[in-house]
Amino acid sequence: MPQRRKPSTGFTLIEMMVTLAVLFIFFIMAVPSFAGLKQRAAIRGAGDQVLAFWNEARFEAVKRNQLVKVGVRTGSNGAFCLGAATTTDEADATTCDCMSAAPATNVCDVMRYPADQSEWNNVTVTGISLGGTTSLLSIKPVVIEPKRTALTEATDKGTLSLAGPPGQMAYKLNLYVDQLGRGLLCESSSSTARLPEYDKRRCAD
């Protein structure tokens, strides 16, 4: 009696090629979603860091019972940093040097962020009205008084605008600080891409 041949259980070359083609199509379709997810994570993370920095500066003013100035410095290729330092002048107009870990002058003796620009994940500063200035080339710091953690100059209230990394979507978040020193993260009203968690928190740049 002739022996039966067992049916083949493997993939044919054509079946394998079709499977790979389908997987490749799914991969191509998923790339924009992954890129958008990365952009959203970067802008959210940067916004959280900026708000946390501001709140920590207010806490340090109370803890040290001293005036604390908070400023932003910008550099080439979109580089920027946050610096906080003690001061005795309520109208101090000099931002501490947060770009250097150990500057010779204008030391950020309270704190600075970031230690490395890569921590921003390609998020950049696009505008500022905080400190009463609108030019990114000459940003004036704001000074926090220790008793109520309010701004020493009410007219210094304003926003710091952040833009997400370059990509398919254009996300923008603002840190808004009022004259009482309260910080709030809100989505820029000029943003063309929306972050769902900020749907009810939109503000002008």
N, C-alpha and C. Protein backbone atom coordinates (compact mmCIF):
# COMPACT_ATOMS: atom_id res chain seq x y z
N MET A 1 0.85 -1.18 0.00
CA MET A 1 0.00 0.00 0.00
C MET A 1 0.89 1.25 0.00
N PRO A 2 0.67 2.16 -0.95
CA PRO A 2 1.55 3.33 -1.03
C PRO A 2 1.40 4.25 0.19
N GLN A 3 2.50 4.83 0.66
CA GLN A 3 2.50 5.70 1.84
C GLN A 3 2.01 7.10 1.47
N ARG A 4 1.09 7.65 2.30
CA ARG A 4 0.58 9.00 2.05
C ARG A 4 1.61 10.06 2.43
N ARG A 5 1.67 11.08 1.59
CA ARG A 5 2.57 12.18 1.90
C ARG A 5 1.87 13.16 2.85
N LYS A 6 2.57 13.59 3.85
CA LYS A 6 2.03 14.55 4.81
C LYS A 6 1.87 15.93 4.15
N PRO A 7 0.74 16.60 4.40
CA PRO A 7 0.56 17.93 3.80
C PRO A 7 1.56 18.93 4.36
N SER A 8 2.02 19.83 3.52
CA SER A 8 2.99 20.85 3.94
C SER A 8 2.32 21.86 4.88
N THR A 9 3.01 22.19 5.97
CA THR A 9 2.46 23.14 6.95
C THR A 9 3.19 24.49 6.93
N GLY A 10 4.17 24.65 6.09
CA GLY A 10 4.92 25.90 6.02
C GLY A 10 4.28 26.93 5.10
N PHE A 11 4.89 28.15 5.07
CA PHE A 11 4.43 29.22 4.18
C PHE A 11 5.07 29.06 2.81
N THR A 12 4.32 29.35 1.78
CA THR A 12 4.91 29.43 0.45
C THR A 12 5.58 30.79 0.31
N LEU A 13 6.42 30.93 -0.67
CA LEU A 13 7.12 32.18 -0.89
C LEU A 13 6.14 33.33 -1.16
N ILE A 14 5.10 33.04 -1.91
CA ILE A 14 4.11 34.08 -2.23
C ILE A 14 3.36 34.51 -0.98
N GLU A 15 2.97 33.55 -0.13
CA GLU A 15 2.27 33.88 1.11
C GLU A 15 3.14 34.76 2.02
N MET A 16 4.41 34.42 2.07
CA MET A 16 5.34 35.20 2.91
C MET A 16 5.50 36.62 2.38
N MET A 17 5.57 36.77 1.05
CA MET A 17 5.73 38.09 0.46
C MET A 17 4.48 38.95 0.68
N VAL A 18 3.31 38.33 0.57
CA VAL A 18 2.06 39.05 0.81
C VAL A 18 1.98 39.51 2.26
N THR A 19 2.38 38.63 3.21
CA THR A 19 2.36 38.97 4.63
C THR A 19 3.29 40.13 4.93
N LEU A 20 4.50 40.08 4.36
CA LEU A 20 5.46 41.16 4.58
C LEU A 20 4.97 42.48 3.98
N ALA A 21 4.30 42.39 2.81
CA ALA A 21 3.78 43.59 2.17
C ALA A 21 2.69 44.24 3.03
N VAL A 22 1.81 43.42 3.62
CA VAL A 22 0.75 43.93 4.48
C VAL A 22 1.34 44.58 5.73
N LEU A 23 2.34 43.91 6.33
CA LEU A 23 3.00 44.47 7.52
C LEU A 23 3.68 45.79 7.21
N PHE A 24 4.28 45.87 6.03
CA PHE A 24 4.96 47.10 5.62
C PHE A 24 3.96 48.24 5.47
N ILE A 25 2.80 47.95 4.89
CA ILE A 25 1.75 48.97 4.73
C ILE A 25 1.28 49.47 6.09
N PHE A 26 1.06 48.54 7.04
CA PHE A 26 0.65 48.94 8.38
C PHE A 26 1.71 49.80 9.05
N PHE A 27 2.97 49.45 8.82
CA PHE A 27 4.08 50.21 9.41
C PHE A 27 4.09 51.63 8.86
N ILE A 28 3.93 51.78 7.54
CA ILE A 28 3.93 53.10 6.91
C ILE A 28 2.77 53.94 7.43
N MET A 29 1.62 53.29 7.65
CA MET A 29 0.46 54.01 8.17
C MET A 29 0.66 54.46 9.61
N ALA A 30 1.44 53.68 10.38
CA ALA A 30 1.62 53.98 11.81
C ALA A 30 2.68 55.03 12.07
N VAL A 31 3.60 55.25 11.11
CA VAL A 31 4.71 56.20 11.32
C VAL A 31 4.22 57.60 11.71
N PRO A 32 3.24 58.19 11.00
CA PRO A 32 2.77 59.53 11.42
C PRO A 32 2.21 59.54 12.84
N SER A 33 1.54 58.47 13.25
CA SER A 33 0.98 58.41 14.60
C SER A 33 2.09 58.40 15.64
N PHE A 34 3.14 57.62 15.39
CA PHE A 34 4.27 57.57 16.32
C PHE A 34 4.98 58.92 16.38
N ALA A 35 5.13 59.58 15.22
CA ALA A 35 5.79 60.89 15.18
C ALA A 35 4.98 61.92 15.97
N GLY A 36 3.65 61.90 15.79
CA GLY A 36 2.79 62.82 16.54
C GLY A 36 2.85 62.56 18.02
N LEU A 37 2.89 61.29 18.39
CA LEU A 37 2.98 60.91 19.81
C LEU A 37 4.27 61.44 20.42
N LYS A 38 5.35 61.35 19.68
CA LYS A 38 6.64 61.84 20.16
C LYS A 38 6.63 63.36 20.32
N GLN A 39 6.00 64.06 19.37
CA GLN A 39 5.88 65.52 19.47
C GLN A 39 5.07 65.93 20.69
N ARG A 40 3.95 65.26 20.90
CA ARG A 40 3.09 65.59 22.05
C ARG A 40 3.80 65.34 23.36
N ALA A 41 4.52 64.23 23.44
CA ALA A 41 5.25 63.90 24.67
C ALA A 41 6.32 64.95 24.95
N ALA A 42 6.99 65.42 23.90
CA ALA A 42 8.06 66.41 24.07
C ALA A 42 7.52 67.74 24.58
N ILE A 43 6.43 68.25 23.98
CA ILE A 43 5.91 69.55 24.39
C ILE A 43 5.28 69.48 25.77
N ARG A 44 4.62 68.36 26.08
CA ARG A 44 4.06 68.20 27.43
C ARG A 44 5.17 68.17 28.47
N GLY A 45 6.22 67.40 28.18
CA GLY A 45 7.34 67.28 29.12
C GLY A 45 8.02 68.62 29.36
N ALA A 46 8.23 69.39 28.28
CA ALA A 46 8.86 70.70 28.43
C ALA A 46 7.97 71.65 29.22
N GLY A 47 6.68 71.61 28.94
CA GLY A 47 5.75 72.47 29.68
C GLY A 47 5.74 72.14 31.16
N ASP A 48 5.73 70.85 31.48
CA ASP A 48 5.75 70.43 32.89
C ASP A 48 7.03 70.88 33.58
N GLN A 49 8.16 70.81 32.88
CA GLN A 49 9.44 71.23 33.46
C GLN A 49 9.45 72.73 33.74
N VAL A 50 8.92 73.51 32.81
CA VAL A 50 8.90 74.97 32.98
C VAL A 50 8.01 75.36 34.16
N LEU A 51 6.83 74.74 34.25
CA LEU A 51 5.93 75.04 35.37
C LEU A 51 6.53 74.61 36.70
N ALA A 52 7.16 73.42 36.72
CA ALA A 52 7.79 72.93 37.95
C ALA A 52 8.93 73.86 38.37
N PHE A 53 9.68 74.36 37.41
CA PHE A 53 10.79 75.28 37.70
C PHE A 53 10.23 76.55 38.35
N TRP A 54 9.18 77.10 37.76
CA TRP A 54 8.59 78.32 38.30
C TRP A 54 8.09 78.10 39.73
N ASN A 55 7.39 77.02 39.95
CA ASN A 55 6.85 76.74 41.30
C ASN A 55 7.96 76.52 42.32
N GLU A 56 9.04 75.89 41.88
CA GLU A 56 10.18 75.66 42.78
C GLU A 56 10.85 76.99 43.13
N ALA A 57 10.92 77.91 42.17
CA ALA A 57 11.51 79.23 42.43
C ALA A 57 10.68 79.99 43.47
N ARG A 58 9.37 79.89 43.39
CA ARG A 58 8.50 80.54 44.39
C ARG A 58 8.74 79.93 45.78
N PHE A 59 8.87 78.61 45.80
CA PHE A 59 9.12 77.93 47.07
C PHE A 59 10.46 78.37 47.67
N GLU A 60 11.47 78.51 46.82
CA GLU A 60 12.79 78.92 47.30
C GLU A 60 12.77 80.35 47.84
N ALA A 61 11.95 81.21 47.25
CA ALA A 61 11.85 82.58 47.75
C ALA A 61 11.34 82.59 49.19
N VAL A 62 10.33 81.75 49.45
CA VAL A 62 9.79 81.65 50.81
C VAL A 62 10.80 81.00 51.75
N LYS A 63 11.38 79.92 51.30
CA LYS A 63 12.33 79.16 52.12
C LYS A 63 13.54 80.01 52.53
N ARG A 64 14.06 80.79 51.59
CA ARG A 64 15.25 81.61 51.87
C ARG A 64 14.89 82.99 52.42
N ASN A 65 13.60 83.33 52.35
CA ASN A 65 13.13 84.65 52.76
C ASN A 65 13.92 85.74 52.03
N GLN A 66 14.03 85.56 50.72
CA GLN A 66 14.76 86.49 49.88
C GLN A 66 14.03 86.69 48.56
N LEU A 67 14.32 87.80 47.92
CA LEU A 67 13.82 88.00 46.57
C LEU A 67 14.52 87.01 45.64
N VAL A 68 13.75 86.41 44.76
CA VAL A 68 14.32 85.48 43.78
C VAL A 68 13.91 85.93 42.38
N LYS A 69 14.90 86.11 41.52
CA LYS A 69 14.60 86.49 40.13
C LYS A 69 14.66 85.25 39.24
N VAL A 70 13.74 85.18 38.31
CA VAL A 70 13.66 84.05 37.38
C VAL A 70 13.72 84.60 35.96
N GLY A 71 14.63 84.05 35.18
CA GLY A 71 14.79 84.55 33.82
C GLY A 71 15.03 83.45 32.81
N VAL A 72 14.96 83.84 31.56
CA VAL A 72 15.20 82.93 30.43
C VAL A 72 16.34 83.49 29.60
N ARG A 73 17.23 82.61 29.18
CA ARG A 73 18.29 83.01 28.26
C ARG A 73 18.17 82.17 27.00
N THR A 74 18.38 82.81 25.86
CA THR A 74 18.34 82.10 24.59
C THR A 74 19.71 82.14 23.93
N GLY A 75 19.96 81.11 23.11
CA GLY A 75 21.24 81.02 22.42
C GLY A 75 21.03 80.66 20.97
N SER A 76 22.07 80.17 20.34
CA SER A 76 22.00 79.80 18.93
C SER A 76 21.26 78.47 18.75
N ASN A 77 20.74 78.26 17.56
CA ASN A 77 20.07 77.01 17.18
C ASN A 77 18.91 76.65 18.11
N GLY A 78 18.21 77.66 18.59
CA GLY A 78 17.03 77.40 19.41
C GLY A 78 17.33 77.05 20.85
N ALA A 79 18.58 77.13 21.27
CA ALA A 79 18.93 76.80 22.66
C ALA A 79 18.33 77.82 23.63
N PHE A 80 17.87 77.34 24.77
CA PHE A 80 17.38 78.24 25.81
C PHE A 80 17.46 77.55 27.15
N CYS A 81 17.45 78.35 28.22
CA CYS A 81 17.53 77.80 29.56
C CYS A 81 16.78 78.70 30.54
N LEU A 82 16.51 78.15 31.70
CA LEU A 82 15.85 78.87 32.77
C LEU A 82 16.83 79.02 33.93
N GLY A 83 16.85 80.20 34.53
CA GLY A 83 17.74 80.41 35.66
C GLY A 83 17.05 81.16 36.78
N ALA A 84 17.39 80.82 38.01
CA ALA A 84 16.84 81.50 39.18
C ALA A 84 17.98 81.86 40.12
N ALA A 85 17.94 83.07 40.63
CA ALA A 85 19.00 83.54 41.53
C ALA A 85 18.43 84.51 42.56
N THR A 86 19.07 84.58 43.70
CA THR A 86 18.65 85.55 44.72
C THR A 86 19.09 86.95 44.29
N THR A 87 18.36 87.94 44.77
CA THR A 87 18.68 89.33 44.43
C THR A 87 18.22 90.24 45.56
N THR A 88 18.74 91.44 45.60
CA THR A 88 18.31 92.43 46.60
C THR A 88 17.57 93.59 45.92
N ASP A 89 17.45 93.50 44.60
CA ASP A 89 16.84 94.58 43.82
C ASP A 89 15.50 94.11 43.26
N GLU A 90 14.42 94.77 43.66
CA GLU A 90 13.08 94.40 43.19
C GLU A 90 12.90 94.63 41.70
N ALA A 91 13.74 95.46 41.13
CA ALA A 91 13.65 95.76 39.70
C ALA A 91 14.87 95.22 38.95
N ASP A 92 15.47 94.16 39.48
CA ASP A 92 16.65 93.55 38.85
C ASP A 92 16.35 93.19 37.39
N ALA A 93 17.18 93.67 36.48
CA ALA A 93 16.94 93.45 35.04
C ALA A 93 17.98 92.54 34.40
N THR A 94 18.80 91.88 35.22
CA THR A 94 19.86 91.01 34.69
C THR A 94 19.54 89.55 34.95
N THR A 95 19.40 88.78 33.90
CA THR A 95 19.13 87.35 34.03
C THR A 95 20.42 86.62 34.38
N CYS A 96 20.34 85.71 35.35
CA CYS A 96 21.56 84.94 35.69
C CYS A 96 21.95 84.04 34.53
N ASP A 97 23.22 83.67 34.48
CA ASP A 97 23.76 82.91 33.36
C ASP A 97 23.48 81.41 33.52
N CYS A 98 22.32 80.99 33.01
CA CYS A 98 21.94 79.58 33.11
C CYS A 98 22.54 78.72 32.00
N MET A 99 23.19 79.36 31.04
CA MET A 99 23.82 78.60 29.95
C MET A 99 25.09 77.89 30.40
N SER A 100 25.71 78.41 31.46
CA SER A 100 26.97 77.84 31.96
C SER A 100 26.77 77.19 33.32
N ALA A 101 27.44 76.07 33.52
CA ALA A 101 27.33 75.36 34.80
C ALA A 101 28.02 76.13 35.92
N ALA A 102 29.13 76.81 35.57
CA ALA A 102 29.88 77.57 36.59
C ALA A 102 30.36 78.88 35.99
N PRO A 103 29.45 79.84 35.77
CA PRO A 103 29.86 81.12 35.19
C PRO A 103 30.66 81.95 36.19
N ALA A 104 31.48 82.86 35.68
CA ALA A 104 32.29 83.72 36.54
C ALA A 104 31.43 84.80 37.21
N THR A 105 30.38 85.23 36.52
CA THR A 105 29.47 86.25 37.07
C THR A 105 28.03 85.83 36.79
N ASN A 106 27.09 86.54 37.43
CA ASN A 106 25.67 86.27 37.23
C ASN A 106 25.32 84.80 37.46
N VAL A 107 25.79 84.27 38.57
CA VAL A 107 25.58 82.85 38.89
C VAL A 107 24.11 82.61 39.26
N CYS A 108 23.56 81.52 38.78
CA CYS A 108 22.20 81.10 39.17
C CYS A 108 22.32 80.33 40.48
N ASP A 109 22.34 81.06 41.60
CA ASP A 109 22.62 80.42 42.89
C ASP A 109 21.42 79.69 43.49
N VAL A 110 20.27 79.78 42.84
CA VAL A 110 19.10 79.02 43.30
C VAL A 110 18.98 77.74 42.50
N MET A 111 18.88 77.86 41.17
CA MET A 111 18.84 76.67 40.30
C MET A 111 18.87 77.11 38.84
N ARG A 112 19.12 76.13 37.98
CA ARG A 112 19.11 76.34 36.54
C ARG A 112 18.61 75.06 35.86
N TYR A 113 18.06 75.22 34.68
CA TYR A 113 17.58 74.07 33.90
C TYR A 113 17.65 74.44 32.42
N PRO A 114 18.09 73.51 31.58
CA PRO A 114 18.53 72.14 31.87
C PRO A 114 20.05 72.09 32.03
N ALA A 115 20.53 70.94 32.42
CA ALA A 115 21.98 70.73 32.47
C ALA A 115 22.51 70.53 31.06
N ASP A 116 21.66 69.97 30.19
CA ASP A 116 22.03 69.72 28.79
C ASP A 116 20.83 70.05 27.91
N GLN A 117 21.07 70.70 26.78
CA GLN A 117 19.98 71.13 25.90
C GLN A 117 19.14 69.98 25.36
N SER A 118 19.72 68.79 25.31
CA SER A 118 18.97 67.63 24.80
C SER A 118 17.74 67.32 25.65
N GLU A 119 17.73 67.82 26.89
CA GLU A 119 16.60 67.56 27.79
C GLU A 119 15.32 68.25 27.31
N TRP A 120 15.45 69.23 26.42
CA TRP A 120 14.25 69.89 25.88
C TRP A 120 13.60 69.08 24.76
N ASN A 121 14.31 68.07 24.24
CA ASN A 121 13.76 67.24 23.16
C ASN A 121 13.28 68.08 21.97
N ASN A 122 14.10 69.05 21.58
CA ASN A 122 13.84 69.90 20.40
C ASN A 122 12.67 70.86 20.57
N VAL A 123 12.19 71.07 21.78
CA VAL A 123 11.20 72.10 22.04
C VAL A 123 11.92 73.44 22.08
N THR A 124 11.31 74.49 21.54
CA THR A 124 11.95 75.80 21.48
C THR A 124 11.04 76.89 22.07
N VAL A 125 11.67 78.03 22.41
CA VAL A 125 10.91 79.21 22.84
C VAL A 125 10.58 80.03 21.60
N THR A 126 9.30 80.39 21.45
CA THR A 126 8.89 81.15 20.27
C THR A 126 8.47 82.58 20.60
N GLY A 127 8.22 82.86 21.85
CA GLY A 127 7.80 84.21 22.20
C GLY A 127 7.76 84.40 23.70
N ILE A 128 7.75 85.66 24.13
CA ILE A 128 7.69 85.95 25.56
C ILE A 128 7.08 87.34 25.79
N SER A 129 6.24 87.42 26.80
CA SER A 129 5.77 88.72 27.28
C SER A 129 6.01 88.81 28.79
N LEU A 130 6.44 87.70 29.39
CA LEU A 130 6.77 87.66 30.81
C LEU A 130 7.98 88.55 31.08
N GLY A 131 7.86 89.41 32.06
CA GLY A 131 8.94 90.34 32.35
C GLY A 131 8.78 91.67 31.65
N GLY A 132 7.67 91.83 30.94
CA GLY A 132 7.42 93.10 30.27
C GLY A 132 8.19 93.29 28.99
N THR A 133 8.82 92.21 28.48
CA THR A 133 9.57 92.32 27.23
C THR A 133 8.95 91.40 26.18
N THR A 134 9.20 91.70 24.92
CA THR A 134 8.69 90.87 23.83
C THR A 134 9.80 90.36 22.93
N SER A 135 11.02 90.78 23.18
CA SER A 135 12.15 90.36 22.36
C SER A 135 12.90 89.21 23.02
N LEU A 136 13.13 88.16 22.26
CA LEU A 136 13.88 87.01 22.79
C LEU A 136 15.36 87.32 22.93
N LEU A 137 15.80 88.43 22.39
CA LEU A 137 17.21 88.80 22.47
C LEU A 137 17.53 89.60 23.73
N SER A 138 16.51 90.19 24.35
CA SER A 138 16.75 90.97 25.57
C SER A 138 15.63 90.70 26.57
N ILE A 139 15.65 89.51 27.13
CA ILE A 139 14.60 89.10 28.06
C ILE A 139 14.92 89.57 29.47
N LYS A 140 13.97 90.25 30.06
CA LYS A 140 14.13 90.76 31.42
C LYS A 140 13.57 89.72 32.40
N PRO A 141 14.27 89.43 33.49
CA PRO A 141 13.75 88.48 34.47
C PRO A 141 12.60 89.07 35.28
N VAL A 142 11.86 88.21 35.93
CA VAL A 142 10.82 88.66 36.87
C VAL A 142 11.31 88.36 38.28
N VAL A 143 10.90 89.18 39.23
CA VAL A 143 11.36 89.02 40.60
C VAL A 143 10.18 88.62 41.49
N ILE A 144 10.40 87.57 42.29
CA ILE A 144 9.38 87.04 43.20
C ILE A 144 9.70 87.51 44.61
N GLU A 145 8.69 88.11 45.27
CA GLU A 145 8.92 88.52 46.67
C GLU A 145 8.54 87.35 47.59
N PRO A 146 9.21 87.21 48.72
CA PRO A 146 9.09 86.01 49.55
C PRO A 146 7.83 85.89 50.41
N LYS A 147 7.15 86.97 50.71
CA LYS A 147 6.02 86.88 51.65
C LYS A 147 4.79 86.25 51.00
N ARG A 148 4.43 86.74 49.83
CA ARG A 148 3.24 86.22 49.15
C ARG A 148 3.59 85.48 47.87
N THR A 149 4.86 85.46 47.51
CA THR A 149 5.39 84.90 46.25
C THR A 149 4.74 85.55 45.03
N ALA A 150 4.36 86.81 45.18
CA ALA A 150 3.83 87.58 44.05
C ALA A 150 4.99 88.23 43.32
N LEU A 151 4.72 88.79 42.14
CA LEU A 151 5.73 89.51 41.40
C LEU A 151 5.92 90.89 42.02
N THR A 152 7.16 91.35 42.10
CA THR A 152 7.41 92.68 42.68
C THR A 152 6.88 93.78 41.77
N GLU A 153 6.79 93.49 40.47
CA GLU A 153 6.22 94.44 39.52
C GLU A 153 5.05 93.77 38.81
N ALA A 154 3.85 94.26 39.08
CA ALA A 154 2.65 93.63 38.51
C ALA A 154 2.67 93.62 36.98
N THR A 155 3.31 94.61 36.38
CA THR A 155 3.35 94.69 34.92
C THR A 155 4.24 93.63 34.29
N ASP A 156 4.98 92.87 35.13
CA ASP A 156 5.84 91.82 34.60
C ASP A 156 5.07 90.53 34.28
N LYS A 157 3.80 90.48 34.64
CA LYS A 157 3.01 89.29 34.35
C LYS A 157 2.99 89.04 32.84
N GLY A 158 2.85 87.80 32.44
CA GLY A 158 2.84 87.51 31.00
C GLY A 158 3.06 86.03 30.73
N THR A 159 3.43 85.72 29.51
CA THR A 159 3.58 84.33 29.08
C THR A 159 4.96 84.03 28.52
N LEU A 160 5.32 82.76 28.61
CA LEU A 160 6.48 82.21 27.93
C LEU A 160 5.94 81.14 26.99
N SER A 161 6.15 81.31 25.70
CA SER A 161 5.56 80.42 24.69
C SER A 161 6.56 79.38 24.21
N LEU A 162 6.12 78.12 24.22
CA LEU A 162 6.95 77.01 23.78
C LEU A 162 6.35 76.36 22.54
N ALA A 163 7.20 75.97 21.60
CA ALA A 163 6.75 75.26 20.40
C ALA A 163 7.30 73.85 20.41
N GLY A 164 6.48 72.90 20.00
CA GLY A 164 6.91 71.51 19.96
C GLY A 164 7.96 71.26 18.89
N PRO A 165 8.54 70.07 18.87
CA PRO A 165 9.56 69.74 17.88
C PRO A 165 9.01 69.85 16.46
N PRO A 166 9.86 70.11 15.47
CA PRO A 166 9.40 70.15 14.07
C PRO A 166 8.78 68.82 13.68
N GLY A 167 7.74 68.88 12.88
CA GLY A 167 7.08 67.66 12.46
C GLY A 167 5.75 67.95 11.80
N GLN A 168 4.94 66.92 11.71
CA GLN A 168 3.66 67.04 11.02
C GLN A 168 2.69 67.97 11.74
N MET A 169 2.74 68.00 13.07
CA MET A 169 1.85 68.83 13.87
C MET A 169 2.62 69.99 14.49
N ALA A 170 1.90 71.10 14.72
CA ALA A 170 2.53 72.30 15.31
C ALA A 170 1.88 72.58 16.66
N TYR A 171 2.45 71.98 17.72
CA TYR A 171 1.92 72.16 19.07
C TYR A 171 2.57 73.36 19.73
N LYS A 172 1.78 74.11 20.53
CA LYS A 172 2.31 75.25 21.27
C LYS A 172 1.68 75.29 22.66
N LEU A 173 2.53 75.47 23.66
CA LEU A 173 2.07 75.62 25.04
C LEU A 173 2.64 76.91 25.62
N ASN A 174 1.88 77.52 26.51
CA ASN A 174 2.33 78.73 27.19
C ASN A 174 2.38 78.51 28.70
N LEU A 175 3.41 79.08 29.31
CA LEU A 175 3.39 79.25 30.76
C LEU A 175 2.89 80.66 31.00
N TYR A 176 1.74 80.78 31.64
CA TYR A 176 1.21 82.10 31.97
C TYR A 176 1.42 82.35 33.46
N VAL A 177 1.97 83.51 33.80
CA VAL A 177 2.20 83.91 35.20
C VAL A 177 1.46 85.21 35.45
N ASP A 178 0.60 85.22 36.48
CA ASP A 178 -0.12 86.46 36.80
C ASP A 178 0.66 87.28 37.83
N GLN A 179 0.11 88.45 38.19
CA GLN A 179 0.85 89.34 39.09
C GLN A 179 1.00 88.78 40.50
N LEU A 180 0.16 87.80 40.84
CA LEU A 180 0.27 87.16 42.15
C LEU A 180 1.29 86.02 42.15
N GLY A 181 1.92 85.81 41.02
CA GLY A 181 2.96 84.78 40.92
C GLY A 181 2.45 83.39 40.60
N ARG A 182 1.16 83.27 40.34
CA ARG A 182 0.59 81.95 40.04
C ARG A 182 0.89 81.57 38.61
N GLY A 183 1.41 80.35 38.43
CA GLY A 183 1.75 79.86 37.10
C GLY A 183 0.70 78.89 36.59
N LEU A 184 0.42 78.96 35.29
CA LEU A 184 -0.57 78.08 34.67
C LEU A 184 -0.09 77.69 33.28
N LEU A 185 -0.19 76.39 32.98
CA LEU A 185 0.10 75.92 31.63
C LEU A 185 -1.19 75.98 30.82
N CYS A 186 -1.12 76.59 29.65
CA CYS A 186 -2.29 76.67 28.78
C CYS A 186 -1.85 76.53 27.33
N GLU A 187 -2.76 76.06 26.50
CA GLU A 187 -2.45 75.89 25.09
C GLU A 187 -2.58 77.22 24.37
N SER A 188 -1.63 77.52 23.52
CA SER A 188 -1.64 78.78 22.80
C SER A 188 -2.85 78.85 21.87
N SER A 189 -3.53 79.99 21.87
CA SER A 189 -4.69 80.16 20.99
C SER A 189 -4.28 80.20 19.52
N SER A 190 -2.98 80.39 19.26
CA SER A 190 -2.49 80.40 17.88
C SER A 190 -2.02 79.01 17.42
N SER A 191 -2.13 78.02 18.29
CA SER A 191 -1.70 76.67 17.95
C SER A 191 -2.67 76.05 16.95
N THR A 192 -2.12 75.46 15.89
CA THR A 192 -2.96 74.81 14.88
C THR A 192 -3.23 73.35 15.21
N ALA A 193 -2.48 72.80 16.13
CA ALA A 193 -2.69 71.41 16.58
C ALA A 193 -3.17 71.44 18.02
N ARG A 194 -4.05 70.53 18.36
CA ARG A 194 -4.69 70.57 19.67
C ARG A 194 -4.20 69.43 20.57
N LEU A 195 -4.03 69.76 21.84
CA LEU A 195 -3.72 68.78 22.88
C LEU A 195 -4.99 68.61 23.71
N PRO A 196 -5.59 67.42 23.69
CA PRO A 196 -6.89 67.22 24.34
C PRO A 196 -6.97 67.65 25.79
N GLU A 197 -5.91 67.41 26.56
CA GLU A 197 -5.96 67.73 27.98
C GLU A 197 -5.96 69.24 28.26
N TYR A 198 -5.64 70.05 27.22
CA TYR A 198 -5.65 71.50 27.38
C TYR A 198 -6.83 72.13 26.64
N ASP A 199 -7.81 71.34 26.31
CA ASP A 199 -8.95 71.80 25.51
C ASP A 199 -9.67 72.98 26.17
N LYS A 200 -9.74 72.98 27.49
CA LYS A 200 -10.43 74.06 28.21
C LYS A 200 -9.46 75.05 28.84
N ARG A 201 -8.18 74.93 28.45
CA ARG A 201 -7.17 75.86 28.96
C ARG A 201 -6.40 76.44 27.78
N ARG A 202 -7.00 77.42 27.13
CA ARG A 202 -6.35 78.10 26.01
C ARG A 202 -6.12 79.57 26.36
N CYS A 203 -5.00 80.11 25.92
CA CYS A 203 -4.68 81.50 26.26
C CYS A 203 -3.89 82.13 25.13
N ALA A 204 -3.90 83.42 25.08
CA ALA A 204 -3.16 84.16 24.05
C ALA A 204 -1.68 84.17 24.37
N ASP A 205 -0.86 84.29 23.34
CA ASP A 205 0.60 84.36 23.53
C ASP A 205 0.98 85.67 24.19
